[in-house]
């Protein structure tokens, strides 16, 4: 189980580097975010919104 707020704040401050994806154990997507700057910022923004509306504890 992953904590929503840890993932949210990782995404907020380090989302363009894909750190929140590594936290969710989605390594390949984390590497893609790392090399593309959070998919040019669009993926980062979408992930931030999605993480905000997830339940407190969730399965990645």
Protein backbone atom coordinates (compact mmCIF):
# COMPACT_ATOMS: atom_id res chain seq x y z
CA UNK A 1 0.00 0.00 0.00
CA UNK A 2 1.25 3.46 -0.88
CA UNK A 3 0.38 6.68 0.93
CA UNK A 4 -1.40 9.29 -1.18
CA UNK A 5 0.23 12.31 0.47
CA UNK A 6 3.78 11.03 0.11
CA UNK A 7 3.18 10.40 -3.59
CA UNK A 8 1.41 13.77 -3.97
CA UNK A 9 4.24 15.80 -2.45
CA UNK A 10 6.89 13.84 -4.34
CA UNK A 11 4.96 14.64 -7.50
CA UNK A 12 4.52 18.29 -6.54
CA UNK A 13 8.20 18.97 -5.86
CA UNK A 14 10.02 16.32 -7.92
CA UNK A 15 7.38 15.27 -10.44
CA UNK A 16 9.23 16.38 -13.55
CA UNK A 17 12.00 13.97 -12.54
CA UNK A 18 9.52 11.12 -12.11
CA UNK A 19 10.36 10.45 -8.46
CA UNK A 20 6.72 9.78 -7.62
CA UNK A 21 6.67 7.04 -10.27
CA UNK A 22 9.68 5.37 -8.68
CA UNK A 23 7.84 5.56 -5.32
CA UNK A 24 4.85 3.81 -6.91
CA UNK A 25 7.28 1.14 -8.23
CA UNK A 26 6.64 2.10 -11.86
CA UNK A 27 10.32 2.24 -12.77
CA UNK A 28 9.99 2.31 -16.56
CA UNK A 29 7.54 5.20 -16.44
CA UNK A 30 9.83 6.95 -13.94
CA UNK A 31 12.70 6.73 -16.41
CA UNK A 32 10.47 8.11 -19.18
CA UNK A 33 9.49 11.05 -16.93
CA UNK A 34 13.15 11.59 -16.04
CA UNK A 35 14.23 11.92 -19.67
CA UNK A 36 11.20 13.89 -20.92
CA UNK A 37 10.75 16.33 -18.04
CA UNK A 38 7.50 14.83 -16.81
CA UNK A 39 6.28 14.37 -20.38
CA UNK A 40 6.89 18.08 -21.01
CA UNK A 41 4.98 19.01 -17.86
CA UNK A 42 1.64 17.71 -19.09
CA UNK A 43 2.04 14.25 -17.55
CA UNK A 44 3.23 15.82 -14.31
CA UNK A 45 0.14 18.02 -14.07
CA UNK A 46 -2.23 15.14 -14.83
CA UNK A 47 -0.51 12.93 -12.24
CA UNK A 48 -0.80 15.69 -9.64
CA UNK A 49 -4.56 15.94 -10.18
CA UNK A 50 -5.06 12.16 -10.21
CA UNK A 51 -3.03 11.69 -7.03
CA UNK A 52 -5.07 14.35 -5.24
CA UNK A 53 -8.29 12.41 -5.81
CA UNK A 54 -6.94 8.95 -4.88
CA UNK A 55 -7.87 7.38 -1.52
CA UNK A 56 -5.46 7.83 1.42
CA UNK A 57 -3.87 4.40 0.91
CA UNK A 58 -3.91 2.81 -2.51
CA UNK A 59 -2.35 0.02 -4.50
CA UNK A 60 -0.19 1.33 -7.38
